[in-house]
PDB file of N, CA and C in Angstrom:
ATOM      1  N   MET A   1      73.641 -39.412 -67.273  1.00  0.00           N
ATOM      2  CA  MET A   1      73.236 -40.786 -67.446  1.00  0.00           C
ATOM      3  C   MET A   1      71.719 -40.864 -67.285  1.00  0.00           C
ATOM      4  N   ALA A   2      71.043 -41.329 -68.300  1.00  0.00           N
ATOM      5  CA  ALA A   2      69.593 -41.497 -68.228  1.00  0.00           C
ATOM      6  C   ALA A   2      69.286 -42.834 -67.563  1.00  0.00           C
ATOM      7  N   LEU A   3      68.315 -42.806 -66.671  1.00  0.00           N
ATOM      8  CA  LEU A   3      67.946 -44.027 -65.967  1.00  0.00           C
ATOM      9  C   LEU A   3      66.874 -44.771 -66.737  1.00  0.00           C
ATOM     10  N   THR A   4      67.039 -46.093 -66.836  1.00  0.00           N
ATOM     11  CA  THR A   4      66.007 -46.921 -67.445  1.00  0.00           C
ATOM     12  C   THR A   4      64.933 -47.186 -66.409  1.00  0.00           C
ATOM     13  N   THR A   5      63.843 -47.798 -66.837  1.00  0.00           N
ATOM     14  CA  THR A   5      62.770 -48.144 -65.904  1.00  0.00           C
ATOM     15  C   THR A   5      63.290 -49.066 -64.815  1.00  0.00           C
ATOM     16  N   ALA A   6      64.119 -50.046 -65.194  1.00  0.00           N
ATOM     17  CA  ALA A   6      64.691 -50.971 -64.208  1.00  0.00           C
ATOM     18  C   ALA A   6      65.570 -50.215 -63.213  1.00  0.00           C
ATOM     19  N   ASP A   7      66.356 -49.259 -63.712  1.00  0.00           N
ATOM     20  CA  ASP A   7      67.203 -48.449 -62.829  1.00  0.00           C
ATOM     21  C   ASP A   7      66.347 -47.666 -61.843  1.00  0.00           C
ATOM     22  N   LYS A   8      65.260 -47.085 -62.344  1.00  0.00           N
ATOM     23  CA  LYS A   8      64.385 -46.286 -61.486  1.00  0.00           C
ATOM     24  C   LYS A   8      63.827 -47.135 -60.351  1.00  0.00           C
ATOM     25  N   ASP A   9      63.459 -48.368 -60.671  1.00  0.00           N
ATOM     26  CA  ASP A   9      62.970 -49.265 -59.618  1.00  0.00           C
ATOM     27  C   ASP A   9      64.062 -49.535 -58.597  1.00  0.00           C
ATOM     28  N   LEU A  10      65.268 -49.752 -59.065  1.00  0.00           N
ATOM     29  CA  LEU A  10      66.391 -50.053 -58.184  1.00  0.00           C
ATOM     30  C   LEU A  10      66.736 -48.858 -57.296  1.00  0.00           C
ATOM     31  N   TYR A  11      66.692 -47.666 -57.855  1.00  0.00           N
ATOM     32  CA  TYR A  11      67.119 -46.469 -57.128  1.00  0.00           C
ATOM     33  C   TYR A  11      66.000 -45.734 -56.403  1.00  0.00           C
ATOM     34  N   SER A  12      64.764 -46.185 -56.546  1.00  0.00           N
ATOM     35  CA  SER A  12      63.652 -45.424 -55.967  1.00  0.00           C
ATOM     36  C   SER A  12      63.777 -45.277 -54.453  1.00  0.00           C
ATOM     37  N   GLY A  13      64.256 -46.291 -53.773  1.00  0.00           N
ATOM     38  CA  GLY A  13      64.455 -46.181 -52.325  1.00  0.00           C
ATOM     39  C   GLY A  13      65.533 -45.183 -51.970  1.00  0.00           C
ATOM     40  N   LEU A  14      66.596 -45.160 -52.782  1.00  0.00           N
ATOM     41  CA  LEU A  14      67.678 -44.203 -52.539  1.00  0.00           C
ATOM     42  C   LEU A  14      67.192 -42.770 -52.740  1.00  0.00           C
ATOM     43  N   ILE A  15      66.357 -42.586 -53.735  1.00  0.00           N
ATOM     44  CA  ILE A  15      65.800 -41.253 -53.996  1.00  0.00           C
ATOM     45  C   ILE A  15      64.961 -40.804 -52.800  1.00  0.00           C
ATOM     46  N   ARG A  16      64.141 -41.690 -52.276  1.00  0.00           N
ATOM     47  CA  ARG A  16      63.312 -41.353 -51.115  1.00  0.00           C
ATOM     48  C   ARG A  16      64.173 -41.032 -49.891  1.00  0.00           C
ATOM     49  N   LEU A  17      65.239 -41.800 -49.700  1.00  0.00           N
ATOM     50  CA  LEU A  17      66.146 -41.520 -48.580  1.00  0.00           C
ATOM     51  C   LEU A  17      66.833 -40.177 -48.762  1.00  0.00           C
ATOM     52  N   HIS A  18      67.202 -39.870 -49.989  1.00  0.00           N
ATOM     53  CA  HIS A  18      67.834 -38.581 -50.284  1.00  0.00           C
ATOM     54  C   HIS A  18      66.871 -37.443 -49.943  1.00  0.00           C
ATOM     55  N   ILE A  19      65.615 -37.600 -50.330  1.00  0.00           N
ATOM     56  CA  ILE A  19      64.606 -36.577 -50.026  1.00  0.00           C
ATOM     57  C   ILE A  19      64.470 -36.419 -48.516  1.00  0.00           C
ATOM     58  N   LEU A  20      64.341 -37.531 -47.805  1.00  0.00           N
ATOM     59  CA  LEU A  20      64.207 -37.470 -46.350  1.00  0.00           C
ATOM     60  C   LEU A  20      65.416 -36.816 -45.706  1.00  0.00           C
ATOM     61  N   HIS A  21      66.594 -37.164 -46.197  1.00  0.00           N
ATOM     62  CA  HIS A  21      67.829 -36.585 -45.649  1.00  0.00           C
ATOM     63  C   HIS A  21      67.763 -35.061 -45.678  1.00  0.00           C
ATOM     64  N   HIS A  22      67.410 -34.508 -46.822  1.00  0.00           N
ATOM     65  CA  HIS A  22      67.363 -33.044 -46.942  1.00  0.00           C
ATOM     66  C   HIS A  22      66.177 -32.452 -46.196  1.00  0.00           C
ATOM     67  N   ALA A  23      65.046 -33.153 -46.193  1.00  0.00           N
ATOM     68  CA  ALA A  23      63.847 -32.635 -45.534  1.00  0.00           C
ATOM     69  C   ALA A  23      63.979 -32.645 -44.011  1.00  0.00           C
ATOM     70  N   THR A  24      64.942 -33.408 -43.471  1.00  0.00           N
ATOM     71  CA  THR A  24      65.171 -33.353 -42.018  1.00  0.00           C
ATOM     72  C   THR A  24      66.013 -32.143 -41.650  1.00  0.00           C
ATOM     73  N   LYS A  25      66.797 -31.647 -42.603  1.00  0.00           N
ATOM     74  CA  LYS A  25      67.671 -30.506 -42.334  1.00  0.00           C
ATOM     75  C   LYS A  25      66.934 -29.179 -42.448  1.00  0.00           C
ATOM     76  N   GLU A  26      66.080 -29.063 -43.483  1.00  0.00           N
ATOM     77  CA  GLU A  26      65.299 -27.851 -43.705  1.00  0.00           C
ATOM     78  C   GLU A  26      64.193 -28.168 -44.705  1.00  0.00           C
ATOM     79  N   PRO A  27      63.149 -27.359 -44.727  1.00  0.00           N
ATOM     80  CA  PRO A  27      62.089 -27.607 -45.710  1.00  0.00           C
ATOM     81  C   PRO A  27      62.637 -27.512 -47.136  1.00  0.00           C
ATOM     82  N   VAL A  28      62.155 -28.392 -47.989  1.00  0.00           N
ATOM     83  CA  VAL A  28      62.607 -28.408 -49.384  1.00  0.00           C
ATOM     84  C   VAL A  28      61.412 -28.182 -50.301  1.00  0.00           C
ATOM     85  N   VAL A  29      61.681 -27.616 -51.463  1.00  0.00           N
ATOM     86  CA  VAL A  29      60.657 -27.462 -52.497  1.00  0.00           C
ATOM     87  C   VAL A  29      61.002 -28.408 -53.636  1.00  0.00           C
ATOM     88  N   GLY A  30      59.991 -28.794 -54.383  1.00  0.00           N
ATOM     89  CA  GLY A  30      60.167 -29.788 -55.436  1.00  0.00           C
ATOM     90  C   GLY A  30      61.236 -29.435 -56.449  1.00  0.00           C
ATOM     91  N   LEU A  31      61.237 -28.207 -56.948  1.00  0.00           N
ATOM     92  CA  LEU A  31      62.208 -27.817 -57.976  1.00  0.00           C
ATOM     93  C   LEU A  31      63.635 -27.927 -57.444  1.00  0.00           C
ATOM     94  N   TRP A  32      63.861 -27.453 -56.232  1.00  0.00           N
ATOM     95  CA  TRP A  32      65.199 -27.561 -55.646  1.00  0.00           C
ATOM     96  C   TRP A  32      65.586 -29.024 -55.487  1.00  0.00           C
ATOM     97  N   MET A  33      64.630 -29.849 -55.028  1.00  0.00           N
ATOM     98  CA  MET A  33      64.916 -31.272 -54.820  1.00  0.00           C
ATOM     99  C   MET A  33      65.240 -31.938 -56.150  1.00  0.00           C
ATOM    100  N   MET A  34      64.542 -31.570 -57.197  1.00  0.00           N
ATOM    101  CA  MET A  34      64.803 -32.122 -58.519  1.00  0.00           C
ATOM    102  C   MET A  34      66.217 -31.765 -58.973  1.00  0.00           C
ATOM    103  N   GLU A  35      66.634 -30.535 -58.747  1.00  0.00           N
ATOM    104  CA  GLU A  35      67.987 -30.102 -59.108  1.00  0.00           C
ATOM    105  C   GLU A  35      69.033 -30.817 -58.260  1.00  0.00           C
ATOM    106  N   GLU A  36      68.761 -30.986 -56.979  1.00  0.00           N
ATOM    107  CA  GLU A  36      69.686 -31.686 -56.088  1.00  0.00           C
ATOM    108  C   GLU A  36      69.846 -33.143 -56.506  1.00  0.00           C
ATOM    109  N   LEU A  37      68.741 -33.795 -56.823  1.00  0.00           N
ATOM    110  CA  LEU A  37      68.815 -35.186 -57.262  1.00  0.00           C
ATOM    111  C   LEU A  37      69.554 -35.292 -58.592  1.00  0.00           C
ATOM    112  N   ALA A  38      69.327 -34.352 -59.497  1.00  0.00           N
ATOM    113  CA  ALA A  38      70.020 -34.355 -60.793  1.00  0.00           C
ATOM    114  C   ALA A  38      71.523 -34.197 -60.596  1.00  0.00           C
ATOM    115  N   ARG A  39      71.900 -33.406 -59.616  1.00  0.00           N
ATOM    116  CA  ARG A  39      73.328 -33.222 -59.307  1.00  0.00           C
ATOM    117  C   ARG A  39      73.989 -34.543 -58.930  1.00  0.00           C
ATOM    118  N   HIS A  40      73.188 -35.471 -58.414  1.00  0.00           N
ATOM    119  CA  HIS A  40      73.690 -36.790 -58.017  1.00  0.00           C
ATOM    120  C   HIS A  40      73.384 -37.864 -59.061  1.00  0.00           C
ATOM    121  N   GLY A  41      72.945 -37.435 -60.242  1.00  0.00           N
ATOM    122  CA  GLY A  41      72.716 -38.372 -61.334  1.00  0.00           C
ATOM    123  C   GLY A  41      71.301 -38.891 -61.468  1.00  0.00           C
ATOM    124  N   TYR A  42      70.394 -38.432 -60.620  1.00  0.00           N
ATOM    125  CA  TYR A  42      68.997 -38.860 -60.692  1.00  0.00           C
ATOM    126  C   TYR A  42      68.202 -37.808 -61.457  1.00  0.00           C
ATOM    127  N   LYS A  43      68.179 -37.918 -62.770  1.00  0.00           N
ATOM    128  CA  LYS A  43      67.451 -36.942 -63.571  1.00  0.00           C
ATOM    129  C   LYS A  43      66.016 -37.423 -63.739  1.00  0.00           C
ATOM    130  N   MET A  44      65.080 -36.610 -63.270  1.00  0.00           N
ATOM    131  CA  MET A  44      63.677 -36.996 -63.348  1.00  0.00           C
ATOM    132  C   MET A  44      62.814 -35.789 -63.637  1.00  0.00           C
ATOM    133  N   SER A  45      61.637 -36.066 -64.116  1.00  0.00           N
ATOM    134  CA  SER A  45      60.693 -35.000 -64.425  1.00  0.00           C
ATOM    135  C   SER A  45      59.852 -34.682 -63.189  1.00  0.00           C
ATOM    136  N   THR A  46      59.137 -33.574 -63.271  1.00  0.00           N
ATOM    137  CA  THR A  46      58.224 -33.234 -62.184  1.00  0.00           C
ATOM    138  C   THR A  46      57.131 -34.294 -62.074  1.00  0.00           C
ATOM    139  N   GLY A  47      56.800 -34.919 -63.208  1.00  0.00           N
ATOM    140  CA  GLY A  47      55.783 -35.972 -63.223  1.00  0.00           C
ATOM    141  C   GLY A  47      56.224 -37.231 -62.495  1.00  0.00           C
ATOM    142  N   THR A  48      57.519 -37.347 -62.238  1.00  0.00           N
ATOM    143  CA  THR A  48      58.044 -38.465 -61.449  1.00  0.00           C
ATOM    144  C   THR A  48      58.259 -38.043 -60.005  1.00  0.00           C
ATOM    145  N   LEU A  49      58.840 -36.860 -59.809  1.00  0.00           N
ATOM    146  CA  LEU A  49      59.183 -36.424 -58.456  1.00  0.00           C
ATOM    147  C   LEU A  49      57.958 -36.118 -57.595  1.00  0.00           C
ATOM    148  N   TYR A  50      57.006 -35.362 -58.124  1.00  0.00           N
ATOM    149  CA  TYR A  50      55.886 -34.938 -57.283  1.00  0.00           C
ATOM    150  C   TYR A  50      55.033 -36.107 -56.774  1.00  0.00           C
ATOM    151  N   PRO A  51      54.793 -37.134 -57.578  1.00  0.00           N
ATOM    152  CA  PRO A  51      54.086 -38.292 -57.002  1.00  0.00           C
ATOM    153  C   PRO A  51      54.874 -38.968 -55.865  1.00  0.00           C
ATOM    154  N   ILE A  52      56.200 -38.956 -55.948  1.00  0.00           N
ATOM    155  CA  ILE A  52      57.018 -39.500 -54.861  1.00  0.00           C
ATOM    156  C   ILE A  52      56.827 -38.658 -53.598  1.00  0.00           C
ATOM    157  N   LEU A  53      56.902 -37.341 -53.747  1.00  0.00           N
ATOM    158  CA  LEU A  53      56.711 -36.445 -52.599  1.00  0.00           C
ATOM    159  C   LEU A  53      55.318 -36.616 -51.983  1.00  0.00           C
ATOM    160  N   HIS A  54      54.308 -36.694 -52.832  1.00  0.00           N
ATOM    161  CA  HIS A  54      52.930 -36.848 -52.339  1.00  0.00           C
ATOM    162  C   HIS A  54      52.758 -38.198 -51.642  1.00  0.00           C
ATOM    163  N   SER A  55      53.360 -39.232 -52.195  1.00  0.00           N
ATOM    164  CA  SER A  55      53.293 -40.566 -51.587  1.00  0.00           C
ATOM    165  C   SER A  55      53.971 -40.573 -50.218  1.00  0.00           C
ATOM    166  N   MET A  56      55.117 -39.912 -50.126  1.00  0.00           N
ATOM    167  CA  MET A  56      55.827 -39.843 -48.849  1.00  0.00           C
ATOM    168  C   MET A  56      55.018 -39.051 -47.825  1.00  0.00           C
ATOM    169  N   GLU A  57      54.288 -38.054 -48.299  1.00  0.00           N
ATOM    170  CA  GLU A  57      53.435 -37.277 -47.394  1.00  0.00           C
ATOM    171  C   GLU A  57      52.244 -38.134 -46.939  1.00  0.00           C
ATOM    172  N   THR A  58      51.636 -38.853 -47.860  1.00  0.00           N
ATOM    173  CA  THR A  58      50.509 -39.724 -47.528  1.00  0.00           C
ATOM    174  C   THR A  58      50.911 -40.785 -46.509  1.00  0.00           C
ATOM    175  N   ARG A  59      52.123 -41.287 -46.625  1.00  0.00           N
ATOM    176  CA  ARG A  59      52.613 -42.325 -45.708  1.00  0.00           C
ATOM    177  C   ARG A  59      53.090 -41.763 -44.377  1.00  0.00           C
ATOM    178  N   GLY A  60      53.121 -40.441 -44.276  1.00  0.00           N
ATOM    179  CA  GLY A  60      53.458 -39.818 -43.001  1.00  0.00           C
ATOM    180  C   GLY A  60      54.930 -39.491 -42.808  1.00  0.00           C
ATOM    181  N   TYR A  61      55.753 -39.627 -43.844  1.00  0.00           N
ATOM    182  CA  TYR A  61      57.178 -39.319 -43.740  1.00  0.00           C
ATOM    183  C   TYR A  61      57.465 -37.829 -43.918  1.00  0.00           C
ATOM    184  N   LEU A  62      56.610 -37.161 -44.688  1.00  0.00           N
ATOM    185  CA  LEU A  62      56.759 -35.724 -44.950  1.00  0.00           C
ATOM    186  C   LEU A  62      55.460 -35.018 -44.611  1.00  0.00           C
ATOM    187  N   ARG A  63      55.577 -33.723 -44.340  1.00  0.00           N
ATOM    188  CA  ARG A  63      54.397 -32.865 -44.248  1.00  0.00           C
ATOM    189  C   ARG A  63      54.704 -31.665 -45.135  1.00  0.00           C
ATOM    190  N   SER A  64      53.672 -31.142 -45.732  1.00  0.00           N
ATOM    191  CA  SER A  64      53.905 -29.991 -46.606  1.00  0.00           C
ATOM    192  C   SER A  64      53.110 -28.795 -46.127  1.00  0.00           C
ATOM    193  N   LYS A  65      53.608 -27.652 -46.514  1.00  0.00           N
ATOM    194  CA  LYS A  65      52.983 -26.386 -46.159  1.00  0.00           C
ATOM    195  C   LYS A  65      53.144 -25.465 -47.363  1.00  0.00           C
ATOM    196  N   ILE A  66      52.060 -24.846 -47.769  1.00  0.00           N
ATOM    197  CA  ILE A  66      52.132 -23.913 -48.898  1.00  0.00           C
ATOM    198  C   ILE A  66      52.532 -22.553 -48.366  1.00  0.00           C
ATOM    199  N   GLN A  67      53.571 -21.993 -48.965  1.00  0.00           N
ATOM    200  CA  GLN A  67      54.046 -20.667 -48.567  1.00  0.00           C
ATOM    201  C   GLN A  67      54.010 -19.740 -49.775  1.00  0.00           C
ATOM    202  N   ARG A  68      53.525 -18.569 -49.529  1.00  0.00           N
ATOM    203  CA  ARG A  68      53.441 -17.550 -50.571  1.00  0.00           C
ATOM    204  C   ARG A  68      54.804 -16.887 -50.712  1.00  0.00           C
ATOM    205  N   GLU A  69      55.278 -16.797 -51.945  1.00  0.00           N
ATOM    206  CA  GLU A  69      56.552 -16.129 -52.233  1.00  0.00           C
ATOM    207  C   GLU A  69      56.304 -15.161 -53.380  1.00  0.00           C
ATOM    208  N   GLY A  70      56.036 -13.930 -53.024  1.00  0.00           N
ATOM    209  CA  GLY A  70      55.700 -12.937 -54.048  1.00  0.00           C
ATOM    210  C   GLY A  70      54.351 -13.271 -54.657  1.00  0.00           C
ATOM    211  N   SER A  71      54.322 -13.392 -55.968  1.00  0.00           N
ATOM    212  CA  SER A  71      53.054 -13.694 -56.643  1.00  0.00           C
ATOM    213  C   SER A  71      52.836 -15.199 -56.815  1.00  0.00           C
ATOM    214  N   THR A  72      53.771 -16.011 -56.344  1.00  0.00           N
ATOM    215  CA  THR A  72      53.627 -17.458 -56.484  1.00  0.00           C
ATOM    216  C   THR A  72      53.529 -18.125 -55.116  1.00  0.00           C
ATOM    217  N   SER A  73      53.037 -19.324 -55.132  1.00  0.00           N
ATOM    218  CA  SER A  73      52.975 -20.146 -53.927  1.00  0.00           C
ATOM    219  C   SER A  73      53.821 -21.380 -54.164  1.00  0.00           C
ATOM    220  N   ARG A  74      54.542 -21.790 -53.145  1.00  0.00           N
ATOM    221  CA  ARG A  74      55.368 -22.999 -53.234  1.00  0.00           C
ATOM    222  C   ARG A  74      55.026 -23.912 -52.077  1.00  0.00           C
ATOM    223  N   ARG A  75      55.046 -25.199 -52.374  1.00  0.00           N
ATOM    224  CA  ARG A  75      54.814 -26.201 -51.339  1.00  0.00           C
ATOM    225  C   ARG A  75      56.173 -26.609 -50.778  1.00  0.00           C
ATOM    226  N   HIS A  76      56.332 -26.445 -49.485  1.00  0.00           N
ATOM    227  CA  HIS A  76      57.570 -26.797 -48.788  1.00  0.00           C
ATOM    228  C   HIS A  76      57.346 -28.099 -48.032  1.00  0.00           C
ATOM    229  N   TYR A  77      58.278 -29.022 -48.184  1.00  0.00           N
ATOM    230  CA  TYR A  77      58.175 -30.334 -47.547  1.00  0.00           C
ATOM    231  C   TYR A  77      59.195 -30.447 -46.425  1.00  0.00           C
ATOM    232  N   SER A  78      58.735 -30.930 -45.271  1.00  0.00           N
ATOM    233  CA  SER A  78      59.594 -31.161 -44.107  1.00  0.00           C
ATOM    234  C   SER A  78      59.382 -32.589 -43.638  1.00  0.00           C
ATOM    235  N   ALA A  79      60.422 -33.157 -43.052  1.00  0.00           N
ATOM    236  CA  ALA A  79      60.303 -34.503 -42.497  1.00  0.00           C
ATOM    237  C   ALA A  79      59.488 -34.459 -41.213  1.00  0.00           C
ATOM    238  N   THR A  80      58.641 -35.444 -41.034  1.00  0.00           N
ATOM    239  CA  THR A  80      57.856 -35.592 -39.809  1.00  0.00           C
ATOM    240  C   THR A  80      58.688 -36.398 -38.808  1.00  0.00           C
ATOM    241  N   PRO A  81      58.243 -36.498 -37.569  1.00  0.00           N
ATOM    242  CA  PRO A  81      58.942 -37.385 -36.625  1.00  0.00           C
ATOM    243  C   PRO A  81      59.044 -38.821 -37.157  1.00  0.00           C
ATOM    244  N   LEU A  82      57.990 -39.311 -37.821  1.00  0.00           N
ATOM    245  CA  LEU A  82      58.039 -40.648 -38.413  1.00  0.00           C
ATOM    246  C   LEU A  82      59.105 -40.711 -39.513  1.00  0.00           C
ATOM    247  N   GLY A  83      59.191 -39.660 -40.326  1.00  0.00           N
ATOM    248  CA  GLY A  83      60.203 -39.606 -41.381  1.00  0.00           C
ATOM    249  C   GLY A  83      61.612 -39.601 -40.817  1.00  0.00           C
ATOM    250  N   LYS A  84      61.814 -38.850 -39.743  1.00  0.00           N
ATOM    251  CA  LYS A  84      63.132 -38.798 -39.100  1.00  0.00           C
ATOM    252  C   LYS A  84      63.496 -40.156 -38.511  1.00  0.00           C
ATOM    253  N   LYS A  85      62.528 -40.817 -37.912  1.00  0.00           N
ATOM    254  CA  LYS A  85      62.757 -42.144 -37.334  1.00  0.00           C
ATOM    255  C   LYS A  85      63.078 -43.155 -38.442  1.00  0.00           C
ATOM    256  N   ALA A  86      62.337 -43.086 -39.544  1.00  0.00           N
ATOM    257  CA  ALA A  86      62.569 -43.992 -40.670  1.00  0.00           C
ATOM    258  C   ALA A  86      63.951 -43.766 -41.278  1.00  0.00           C
ATOM    259  N   LEU A  87      64.366 -42.508 -41.390  1.00  0.00           N
ATOM    260  CA  LEU A  87      65.684 -42.200 -41.940  1.00  0.00           C
ATOM    261  C   LEU A  87      66.778 -42.749 -41.040  1.00  0.00           C
ATOM    262  N   LYS A  88      66.604 -42.609 -39.745  1.00  0.00           N
ATOM    263  CA  LYS A  88      67.588 -43.119 -38.793  1.00  0.00           C
ATOM    264  C   LYS A  88      67.714 -44.642 -38.903  1.00  0.00           C
ATOM    265  N   ALA A  89      66.600 -45.334 -39.014  1.00  0.00           N
ATOM    266  CA  ALA A  89      66.610 -46.789 -39.167  1.00  0.00           C
ATOM    267  C   ALA A  89      67.241 -47.188 -40.495  1.00  0.00           C
ATOM    268  N   ALA A  90      66.921 -46.445 -41.549  1.00  0.00           N
ATOM    269  CA  ALA A  90      67.470 -46.747 -42.871  1.00  0.00           C
ATOM    270  C   ALA A  90      68.975 -46.536 -42.902  1.00  0.00           C
ATOM    271  N   LEU A  91      69.457 -45.563 -42.154  1.00  0.00           N
ATOM    272  CA  LEU A  91      70.888 -45.292 -42.112  1.00  0.00           C
ATOM    273  C   LEU A  91      71.657 -46.518 -41.631  1.00  0.00           C
ATOM    274  N   LEU A  92      71.117 -47.211 -40.651  1.00  0.00           N
ATOM    275  CA  LEU A  92      71.765 -48.437 -40.172  1.00  0.00           C
ATOM    276  C   LEU A  92      71.820 -49.488 -41.266  1.00  0.00           C
ATOM    277  N   LYS A  93      70.733 -49.637 -42.010  1.00  0.00           N
ATOM    278  CA  LYS A  93      70.683 -50.613 -43.106  1.00  0.00           C
ATOM    279  C   LYS A  93      71.627 -50.216 -44.239  1.00  0.00           C
ATOM    280  N   VAL A  94      71.702 -48.926 -44.536  1.00  0.00           N
ATOM    281  CA  VAL A  94      72.597 -48.455 -45.596  1.00  0.00           C
ATOM    282  C   VAL A  94      74.056 -48.702 -45.208  1.00  0.00           C
ATOM    283  N   ARG A  95      74.400 -48.442 -43.952  1.00  0.00           N
ATOM    284  CA  ARG A  95      75.775 -48.706 -43.493  1.00  0.00           C
ATOM    285  C   ARG A  95      76.118 -50.181 -43.610  1.00  0.00           C
ATOM    286  N   GLU A  96      75.180 -51.040 -43.226  1.00  0.00           N
ATOM    287  CA  GLU A  96      75.397 -52.478 -43.314  1.00  0.00           C
ATOM    288  C   GLU A  96      75.612 -52.900 -44.771  1.00  0.00           C
ATOM    289  N   LEU A  97      74.746 -52.424 -45.662  1.00  0.00           N
ATOM    290  CA  LEU A  97      74.865 -52.754 -47.076  1.00  0.00           C
ATOM    291  C   LEU A  97      76.161 -52.210 -47.654  1.00  0.00           C
ATOM    292  N   TYR A  98      76.494 -50.978 -47.314  1.00  0.00           N
ATOM    293  CA  TYR A  98      77.719 -50.350 -47.797  1.00  0.00           C
ATOM    294  C   TYR A  98      78.934 -51.207 -47.423  1.00  0.00           C
ATOM    295  N   GLY A  99      78.954 -51.686 -46.195  1.00  0.00           N
ATOM    296  CA  GLY A  99      80.048 -52.549 -45.743  1.00  0.00           C
ATOM    297  C   GLY A  99      80.124 -53.827 -46.561  1.00  0.00           C
ATOM    298  N   GLU A 100      78.988 -54.428 -46.841  1.00  0.00           N
ATOM    299  CA  GLU A 100      78.976 -55.649 -47.642  1.00  0.00           C
ATOM    300  C   GLU A 100      79.414 -55.375 -49.079  1.00  0.00           C
ATOM    301  N   LEU A 101      78.974 -54.268 -49.645  1.00  0.00           N
ATOM    302  CA  LEU A 101      79.344 -53.953 -51.021  1.00  0.00           C
ATOM    303  C   LEU A 101      80.857 -53.716 -51.150  1.00  0.00           C
ATOM    304  N   LEU A 102      81.468 -53.149 -50.139  1.00  0.00           N
ATOM    305  CA  LEU A 102      82.905 -52.873 -50.183  1.00  0.00           C
ATOM    306  C   LEU A 102      83.750 -54.119 -49.967  1.00  0.00           C
ATOM    307  N   GLU A 103      83.157 -55.191 -49.451  1.00  0.00           N
ATOM    308  CA  GLU A 103      83.890 -56.432 -49.239  1.00  0.00           C
ATOM    309  C   GLU A 103      84.275 -57.107 -50.537  1.00  0.00           C
ATOM    310  N   GLN A 104      83.585 -56.792 -51.611  1.00  0.00           N
ATOM    311  CA  GLN A 104      83.830 -57.456 -52.899  1.00  0.00           C
ATOM    312  C   GLN A 104      85.187 -57.157 -53.448  1.00  0.00           C
TER     313      GLN A 104
END
């Protein structure tokens, strides 16, 4: 399913929460995150994903570290304490919304 611009606006928060969820468990790289999001129906280009990752890093939710892997370097993203706190707070809001959506 291809997402329209309106869909992307609607789902952008969910995408960020998904990134934070995985980045709290272990460091993630952009390509893996793109594949993981695609597995859940969020198909996006690197031109969409990397600005999201950089924005989350600028806001203090993620930190990145460049790691050398053979002849290439990859940027690994991990959740910061602020990111973990934000994810925990968002989880409460998601549960509340989920409950309301199921009432219909």
